Protein backbone atom coordinates (compact mmCIF):
# COMPACT_ATOMS: atom_id res chain seq x y z
CA MET A 1 86.68 99.93 104.12
CA LYS A 2 84.26 100.40 106.99
CA SER A 3 83.65 103.94 108.21
CA SER A 4 84.94 102.86 111.62
CA ASP A 5 88.29 101.81 110.12
CA LYS A 6 90.03 105.15 110.46
CA ASN A 7 93.45 104.17 111.79
CA ILE A 8 96.62 104.60 109.73
CA LEU A 9 99.39 102.18 108.80
CA ILE A 10 102.65 103.96 107.87
CA LEU A 11 104.47 101.51 105.58
CA THR A 12 108.20 101.86 104.87
CA HIS A 13 110.90 99.46 103.62
CA TRP A 14 113.75 100.76 105.82
CA SER A 15 115.15 99.88 109.24
CA PHE A 16 114.11 102.07 112.15
CA GLN A 17 117.68 103.25 112.80
CA ASP A 18 118.21 104.15 109.14
CA ALA A 19 118.56 107.88 108.47
CA LEU A 20 115.71 107.55 105.97
CA ILE A 21 113.40 106.76 108.88
CA GLN A 22 114.94 109.20 111.34
CA ALA A 23 115.23 112.19 108.97
CA TYR A 24 112.92 111.41 106.07
CA THR A 25 109.94 109.63 107.65
CA LEU A 26 109.51 110.18 111.39
CA PRO A 27 109.28 113.99 111.30
CA TYR A 28 106.37 113.68 108.85
CA VAL A 29 104.70 110.92 110.88
CA PHE A 30 104.70 113.36 113.80
CA LEU A 31 103.06 115.97 111.54
CA ILE A 32 100.40 113.45 110.52
CA ARG A 33 99.82 112.66 114.21
CA LYS A 34 99.40 116.39 114.87
CA ASN A 35 96.75 116.73 112.17
CA ILE A 36 94.48 113.80 112.98
CA GLU A 37 91.94 113.21 115.73
CA ALA A 38 93.27 112.04 119.09
CA ASP A 39 91.37 108.75 118.91
CA ARG A 40 92.96 107.69 115.61
CA LYS A 41 95.86 105.29 115.87
CA ILE A 42 99.12 105.30 113.85
CA ILE A 43 101.20 102.15 113.37
CA LEU A 44 104.67 102.55 111.83
CA VAL A 45 106.06 99.51 109.96
CA THR A 46 109.81 99.09 109.43
CA PHE A 47 111.90 96.27 107.92
CA GLU A 48 114.97 95.64 110.05
CA GLN A 49 118.34 94.80 108.50
CA ASP A 50 120.86 92.93 110.66
CA HIS A 51 123.50 95.66 110.62
CA LEU A 52 120.96 98.23 111.88
CA LYS A 53 119.22 95.96 114.34
CA MET A 54 118.31 97.50 117.71
CA ASP A 55 119.20 95.64 120.88
CA SER A 56 116.34 94.96 123.30
CA LYS A 57 117.09 97.96 125.52
CA VAL A 58 117.24 100.44 122.62
CA ARG A 59 114.10 98.97 121.10
CA MET A 60 112.19 99.35 124.36
CA GLU A 61 113.30 102.98 124.59
CA LYS A 62 112.24 103.70 120.99
CA VAL A 63 108.89 101.97 121.44
CA ALA A 64 108.23 103.94 124.63
CA PHE A 65 109.20 107.20 122.93
CA LEU A 66 106.89 106.57 119.98
CA ARG A 67 104.01 105.55 122.25
CA SER A 68 104.43 108.84 124.10
CA LYS A 69 103.79 110.48 120.72
CA GLY A 70 100.76 108.29 119.99
CA ILE A 71 102.53 105.97 117.52
CA GLU A 72 102.99 102.19 117.66
CA LEU A 73 106.01 100.46 116.08
CA LEU A 74 105.80 97.18 114.15
CA THR A 75 109.18 95.78 113.08
CA LEU A 76 109.59 93.01 110.49
CA LYS A 77 112.81 91.31 109.43
CA TYR A 78 114.22 92.58 106.11
CA THR A 79 114.70 90.08 103.26
CA LYS A 80 116.71 90.69 100.11
CA PHE A 81 115.19 90.15 96.67
CA ASN A 82 116.14 86.48 96.16
CA PHE A 83 114.59 83.02 95.88
CA THR A 84 113.42 83.13 99.53
CA LEU A 85 111.45 86.34 99.07
CA PRO A 86 108.13 84.80 97.88
CA LEU A 87 107.95 82.63 100.99
CA LYS A 88 108.93 85.51 103.26
CA ALA A 89 106.43 87.77 101.50
CA LEU A 90 103.60 85.43 102.50
CA GLY A 91 104.67 85.88 106.11
CA TYR A 92 104.77 89.67 105.69
CA PHE A 93 101.30 89.77 104.18
CA TYR A 94 99.85 87.50 106.86
CA GLU A 95 101.31 89.70 109.60
CA LEU A 96 100.25 92.95 107.96
CA ILE A 97 96.74 91.85 107.00
CA SER A 98 96.22 90.58 110.53
CA THR A 99 97.37 93.95 111.86
CA ILE A 100 95.11 95.84 109.44
CA LYS A 101 92.05 93.89 110.54
CA ARG A 102 92.87 93.84 114.24
CA GLU A 103 93.75 97.53 114.44
CA LYS A 104 90.93 98.70 112.17
CA ILE A 105 93.29 100.27 109.62
CA GLY A 106 91.56 102.32 106.94
CA VAL A 107 94.52 104.11 105.34
CA ILE A 108 97.90 102.78 104.27
CA HIS A 109 100.36 105.68 103.94
CA ALA A 110 103.41 104.23 102.15
CA TRP A 111 106.82 105.83 101.69
CA CYS A 112 108.31 105.48 98.16
CA THR A 113 107.23 103.03 95.50
CA PRO A 114 108.89 99.82 96.84
CA ALA A 115 106.84 100.07 100.05
CA GLY A 116 104.03 101.55 97.96
CA SER A 117 103.91 98.37 95.88
CA MET A 118 103.31 96.30 98.99
CA GLY A 119 100.79 98.90 100.11
CA TYR A 120 98.97 98.61 96.78
CA LEU A 121 98.64 94.83 97.13
CA LEU A 122 97.53 95.13 100.76
CA CYS A 123 94.88 97.69 99.83
CA LYS A 124 93.57 95.47 97.04
CA LEU A 125 93.22 92.64 99.57
CA THR A 126 91.77 94.66 102.46
CA GLY A 127 89.90 97.60 100.93
CA CYS A 128 92.09 100.23 102.59
CA LYS A 129 92.79 103.57 100.92
CA LEU A 130 96.35 104.14 99.68
CA ILE A 131 98.56 107.23 99.92
CA ILE A 132 101.98 107.20 98.28
CA ASP A 133 104.45 109.59 99.90
CA SER A 134 107.78 110.47 98.25
CA TYR A 135 106.30 109.39 94.94
CA GLU A 136 109.25 109.16 92.56
CA PRO A 137 110.70 106.64 90.08
CA HIS A 138 112.53 103.77 91.70
CA ALA A 139 112.64 101.01 89.08
CA GLU A 140 114.20 103.19 86.38
CA ALA A 141 116.54 104.81 88.91
CA MET A 142 117.92 101.39 89.83
CA VAL A 143 118.64 100.72 86.15
CA GLU A 144 120.18 104.14 85.54
CA ASN A 145 122.58 103.79 88.46
CA GLN A 146 123.48 100.30 87.19
CA THR A 147 122.23 98.43 90.24
CA TRP A 148 119.62 96.52 88.21
CA LYS A 149 119.43 95.50 84.56
CA ARG A 150 116.50 96.68 82.46
CA ASN A 151 115.65 93.13 81.44
CA SER A 152 115.67 91.86 85.06
CA LEU A 153 112.63 90.48 86.86
CA ARG A 154 113.10 93.07 89.63
CA PHE A 155 112.86 95.97 87.21
CA HIS A 156 109.83 94.66 85.31
CA LEU A 157 107.96 93.75 88.50
CA LEU A 158 108.51 97.08 90.24
CA PHE A 159 107.87 99.16 87.11
CA TYR A 160 104.60 97.26 86.56
CA LEU A 161 103.58 97.87 90.19
CA GLU A 162 104.54 101.55 89.94
CA LYS A 163 102.08 101.95 87.07
CA LYS A 164 99.38 100.10 88.98
CA LEU A 165 99.81 101.96 92.27
CA SER A 166 99.89 105.32 90.45
CA ARG A 167 96.35 104.76 89.21
CA PHE A 168 95.10 103.11 92.38
CA ALA A 169 96.38 105.52 95.03
CA LYS A 170 93.92 108.06 96.34
CA ILE A 171 96.69 110.64 96.86
CA LEU A 172 100.21 110.98 95.47
CA ILE A 173 102.78 113.14 97.30
CA SER A 174 105.85 113.91 95.20
CA ALA A 175 109.07 115.77 95.94
CA THR A 176 108.82 117.78 92.70
CA GLU A 177 106.15 119.07 90.35
CA GLY A 178 108.07 117.42 87.50
CA MET A 179 106.96 113.97 88.66
CA ARG A 180 103.53 114.73 87.27
CA GLU A 181 104.99 114.81 83.74
CA TYR A 182 107.03 111.67 84.39
CA ALA A 183 103.81 109.84 85.32
CA ARG A 184 102.20 111.03 82.08
CA GLN A 185 105.12 109.90 79.93
CA LYS A 186 106.15 106.67 81.64
CA TYR A 187 102.96 105.41 83.27
CA ASN A 188 100.51 106.90 80.75
CA PHE A 189 98.64 108.40 83.68
CA ASN A 190 97.64 111.98 84.52
CA PRO A 191 97.63 112.35 88.34
CA GLN A 192 94.76 114.34 89.85
CA ASN A 193 95.16 114.36 93.64
CA PHE A 194 98.85 115.21 93.35
CA LEU A 195 100.67 117.21 96.04
CA VAL A 196 104.28 118.41 96.21
CA LYS A 197 106.39 118.14 99.38
CA PRO A 198 110.19 118.40 99.15
CA ALA A 199 112.51 116.90 101.77
CA CYS A 200 112.08 119.47 104.52
CA VAL A 201 114.41 120.35 107.39
CA ASN A 202 113.75 121.04 111.05
CA ILE A 203 115.28 124.47 111.62
CA LEU A 204 115.18 123.87 115.38
CA GLU A 205 117.71 121.06 114.88
CA PHE A 206 119.71 122.60 112.02
CA ASN A 207 120.53 126.28 112.54
CA ARG A 208 123.22 128.82 113.43
CA LYS A 209 123.82 127.39 116.90
CA ASN A 210 125.19 124.24 115.23
CA LYS A 211 127.88 126.10 113.28
CA LYS A 212 131.57 125.68 114.13
CA ASN A 213 131.15 123.91 117.47
CA GLU A 214 134.39 124.76 119.29
CA VAL A 215 134.67 121.43 121.11
CA LEU A 216 134.41 119.48 117.85
CA LEU A 217 136.73 121.87 115.98
CA ASN A 218 139.41 121.25 118.59
CA LYS A 219 138.73 117.53 118.80
CA LEU A 220 138.99 117.02 115.03
CA GLY A 221 141.79 119.54 114.43
CA LEU A 222 139.68 121.74 112.16
CA ASN A 223 140.44 125.16 113.62
CA ASN A 224 141.34 127.65 110.89
CA LYS A 225 140.71 125.05 108.17
CA ILE A 226 138.45 125.31 105.13
CA VAL A 227 136.22 122.26 105.50
CA ALA A 228 134.24 120.49 102.81
CA VAL A 229 131.53 118.32 104.37
CA TYR A 230 129.59 115.42 102.92
CA ALA A 231 126.94 113.48 104.83
CA GLY A 232 125.88 110.26 103.18
CA LYS A 233 126.89 107.25 101.15
CA PHE A 234 129.07 106.69 98.11
CA GLY A 235 127.98 104.37 95.32
CA GLY A 236 124.44 103.51 94.19
CA ILE A 237 122.87 106.84 93.33
CA TYR A 238 125.99 108.69 94.51
CA LEU A 239 129.31 109.27 92.77
CA THR A 240 132.40 107.56 94.18
CA VAL A 241 135.86 108.42 92.82
CA GLU A 242 134.47 111.53 91.08
CA SER A 243 133.67 112.94 94.53
CA PHE A 244 137.32 112.58 95.51
CA HIS A 245 138.49 114.23 92.29
CA LEU A 246 136.31 117.18 93.31
CA LEU A 247 137.89 117.19 96.76
CA LYS A 248 141.31 116.99 95.12
CA ALA A 249 140.54 120.24 93.29
CA ALA A 250 139.81 121.82 96.66
CA GLU A 251 143.07 120.46 98.07
CA ASN A 252 144.92 121.91 95.08
CA LYS A 253 143.35 125.29 95.83
CA TRP A 254 143.80 125.51 99.60
CA GLY A 255 146.58 123.02 100.32
CA GLU A 256 147.32 122.45 103.99
CA ASN A 257 144.40 124.71 104.94
CA PHE A 258 141.85 122.25 103.49
CA ARG A 259 140.15 119.25 105.10
CA ALA A 260 137.39 116.91 103.92
CA LEU A 261 134.88 115.80 106.58
CA LEU A 262 133.03 112.67 105.44
CA LEU A 263 130.09 111.68 107.62
CA THR A 264 129.52 108.17 106.34
CA ASN A 265 129.51 104.53 107.43
CA HIS A 266 131.90 103.40 104.69
CA ASN A 267 135.00 101.70 106.02
CA LEU A 268 138.43 103.29 105.67
CA ASN A 269 139.55 100.74 103.07
CA GLU A 270 136.82 101.88 100.70
CA ILE A 271 137.52 105.56 101.36
CA SER A 272 141.26 105.00 100.92
CA SER A 273 140.75 103.23 97.60
CA TRP A 274 138.71 106.09 96.10
CA ALA A 275 141.03 108.73 97.56
CA LYS A 276 144.11 106.97 96.15
CA GLU A 277 142.55 106.82 92.68
CA ALA A 278 142.02 110.60 92.84
CA ASP A 279 145.46 111.21 94.37
CA PHE A 280 143.82 112.75 97.43
CA PRO A 281 145.86 112.47 100.65
CA MET A 282 144.14 110.40 103.34
CA GLU A 283 145.64 112.55 106.09
CA LYS A 284 143.35 115.37 104.96
CA ILE A 285 140.21 113.22 105.33
CA ILE A 286 138.25 112.91 108.55
CA CYS A 287 135.80 110.04 108.25
CA LYS A 288 133.15 109.51 110.91
CA PHE A 289 129.77 107.85 111.25
CA VAL A 290 127.60 109.81 113.66
CA SER A 291 124.04 109.37 114.88
CA HIS A 292 121.21 111.46 113.50
CA GLU A 293 121.04 113.28 116.84
CA GLU A 294 124.64 114.47 116.38
CA ILE A 295 124.68 115.15 112.65
CA SER A 296 123.81 118.86 112.74
CA ASN A 297 126.84 119.77 114.87
CA TYR A 298 129.15 117.83 112.57
CA VAL A 299 127.69 119.21 109.33
CA GLY A 300 127.96 122.65 110.93
CA LEU A 301 131.75 122.28 110.96
CA GLY A 302 131.77 122.69 107.17
CA ASP A 303 132.42 125.81 105.15
CA PHE A 304 130.79 124.28 102.10
CA ALA A 305 129.14 120.97 101.23
CA ILE A 306 128.85 118.59 98.31
CA THR A 307 125.85 116.67 96.96
CA PRO A 308 127.42 114.15 94.57
CA VAL A 309 124.24 112.56 93.21
CA LYS A 310 124.77 110.80 89.89
CA PRO A 311 123.26 113.08 87.21
CA ILE A 312 120.88 110.45 85.84
CA PRO A 313 117.43 111.36 84.45
CA THR A 314 115.27 110.05 87.32
CA LYS A 315 117.15 112.11 89.91
CA ARG A 316 115.24 115.08 88.51
CA TYR A 317 112.32 113.84 90.60
CA CYS A 318 114.03 113.16 93.94
CA SER A 319 114.66 115.53 96.86
CA PRO A 320 118.01 115.13 98.64
CA ILE A 321 117.49 115.45 102.39
CA LYS A 322 121.04 116.69 102.85
CA ASP A 323 120.56 119.87 100.78
CA GLY A 324 117.94 121.26 103.13
CA GLU A 325 120.21 120.47 106.08
CA TYR A 326 123.20 122.13 104.40
CA TRP A 327 121.15 125.21 103.56
CA ALA A 328 119.68 125.52 107.05
CA LEU A 329 123.28 125.72 108.31
CA GLY A 330 124.16 128.37 105.73
CA LEU A 331 126.50 126.19 103.65
CA PRO A 332 127.01 126.77 99.92
CA VAL A 333 126.68 123.53 97.98
CA ILE A 334 128.41 121.98 94.97
CA ILE A 335 125.88 119.75 93.21
CA THR A 336 125.58 117.89 89.93
CA LYS A 337 123.14 119.16 87.30
CA ASP A 338 119.42 118.36 87.06
CA ILE A 339 119.05 117.06 90.62
CA SER A 340 115.52 117.62 91.88
CA ASP A 341 114.73 121.36 91.91
CA ASP A 342 117.91 121.87 93.91
CA SER A 343 120.37 122.38 91.04
CA GLU A 344 118.13 125.14 89.67
CA ILE A 345 117.67 126.71 93.12
CA ILE A 346 121.43 126.76 93.78
CA SER A 347 122.09 128.42 90.43
CA LYS A 348 119.21 130.91 90.66
CA GLU A 349 119.87 131.92 94.27
CA ASN A 350 123.66 132.06 93.82
CA ILE A 351 124.37 129.73 96.75
CA GLY A 352 126.90 127.30 95.29
CA TYR A 353 127.92 125.75 92.01
CA VAL A 354 126.23 123.33 89.61
CA LEU A 355 128.65 120.93 87.89
CA GLN A 356 127.79 120.82 84.19
CA THR A 357 130.08 117.86 83.53
CA LEU A 358 132.32 115.62 85.61
CA ASN A 359 135.86 116.63 84.73
CA GLU A 360 138.86 118.42 86.20
CA ILE A 361 137.99 121.76 84.56
CA GLU A 362 134.53 121.81 86.15
CA TYR A 363 135.85 120.70 89.52
CA LYS A 364 138.33 123.58 89.48
CA LYS A 365 135.61 126.07 88.45
CA SER A 366 133.38 124.90 91.28
CA ILE A 367 136.11 125.42 93.88
CA GLU A 368 136.98 128.86 92.50
CA ARG A 369 133.30 129.82 92.79
CA ILE A 370 133.10 128.55 96.36
CA ASP A 371 136.23 130.54 97.19
CA GLU A 372 134.54 133.69 95.86
CA LEU A 373 131.29 133.00 97.74
CA LEU A 374 133.05 132.42 101.06
CA THR A 375 134.41 135.97 100.97
CA GLU A 376 130.80 137.18 101.47
CA GLY A 377 130.80 135.86 105.04
CA ASP A 378 127.55 136.45 106.92
CA VAL A 379 125.85 137.91 103.83
CA LEU A 380 126.18 134.50 102.15
CA THR A 381 125.13 132.61 105.28
CA ASN A 382 122.00 134.73 105.66
CA ARG A 383 121.09 134.28 101.98
CA ILE A 384 121.39 130.51 102.20
CA ILE A 385 119.43 130.22 105.45
CA LYS A 386 116.66 132.26 103.85
CA VAL A 387 116.60 129.79 100.93
CA ALA A 388 116.20 126.93 103.43
CA GLY A 389 113.17 128.69 104.90
CA ASN A 390 111.62 129.37 101.50
CA TYR A 391 112.13 125.93 99.97
CA ARG A 392 112.54 123.42 102.81
CA SER A 393 110.43 124.66 105.71
CA PHE A 394 108.37 122.06 107.57
CA GLU A 395 105.44 124.43 107.13
CA ILE A 396 105.32 123.19 103.51
CA ALA A 397 104.96 119.60 104.69
CA GLU A 398 102.43 120.48 107.36
CA GLU A 399 100.17 122.16 104.80
CA VAL A 400 100.25 118.97 102.72
CA TYR A 401 99.25 116.72 105.63
CA LYS A 402 96.70 119.20 106.90
CA LYS A 403 95.03 119.17 103.48
CA ILE A 404 94.93 115.36 103.45
CA TYR A 405 93.98 114.54 107.02
CA LYS A 406 92.41 117.64 108.55
CA GLU A 407 90.62 119.02 105.50
CA ASP A 408 90.01 115.41 104.34
CA LEU A 409 91.22 115.40 100.76
CA PHE A 410 89.82 111.85 100.57
CA LYS A 411 86.35 113.34 100.08
CA SER A 412 87.33 114.46 96.58
CA THR A 413 88.72 111.05 95.57
């Protein structure tokens, strides 16, 4: 890499409209922009899926907004892992290598190991330095949640690349300290330039002013109801029918006073199928898909929240975005065990309930505990908001990026 090649390519494998870009990537890209010299350029790469595709007007607006922040957007068309991928990959690499050379890119800052794998190969070909952000297991997670098989080509290829990129990257940014031990055990590698940055939350967007919005309460018929809120998907790394059995326990407890607010893009047929299996009445479910700009007001309608991540081993190293958002709004959370550091935080700080197993007895215990906590009122809310500040503040993330880009951690690599 030439000394003049100081611009940065932010490499992701998500669509621009995906919440993982809007909530989990862009806020940090803005922090990187804040902590680099004004003459350095940032180019953000996304892979657009058809169902999240922006129309020309929206795309122009997004491009203009990013340019106003000193960031360029490069969108590529997403391709599934199938027989066409090798051919498409050649096109991706041609486009990206051309961009790297033309824009004098010196650093590839990749989010998660799938994009990191592409970043690793690009760096080998171009001489760029590699940073892996949100460094956590992906190959084994896909096997554990039964999306991939352990003997599949996809697993072996990504796991191999995870080992390679772990050694090659100049800096690794993980959501948890525990990922260091995972790298030792699984990749036979002891990370040195290893930083920890959980999924942080913007307390200007998620705070008390977003709680119990009167217009939305009236619109959705949630006045004087106890509301369980969930923002996210079902399936994959998340529980499906088990989540509705948990909600059924809440319905058993509070009856007509209970409602479940599901902020998800699943269709009603899917929701109805899982609810029916758990004997949960559909009339007590409000299902909506809302934009990231609106999500805080909708989550703020809840009295408590659920984080139904499958309790599989690799989830110990993730960082659910939603927990920080729930906490910033003062919501107690029901979570499965051994999820990131969050299960331990919830237990230690007494701000929810950690499900030890997935059965009716535990679901009932969790609801009884939430019922007790809710009697604390503002005392509980204040305690939870303080936890959000201690464990999910953007100041944590800014210190990480300041160390890398302003204090130039590269000098020690």
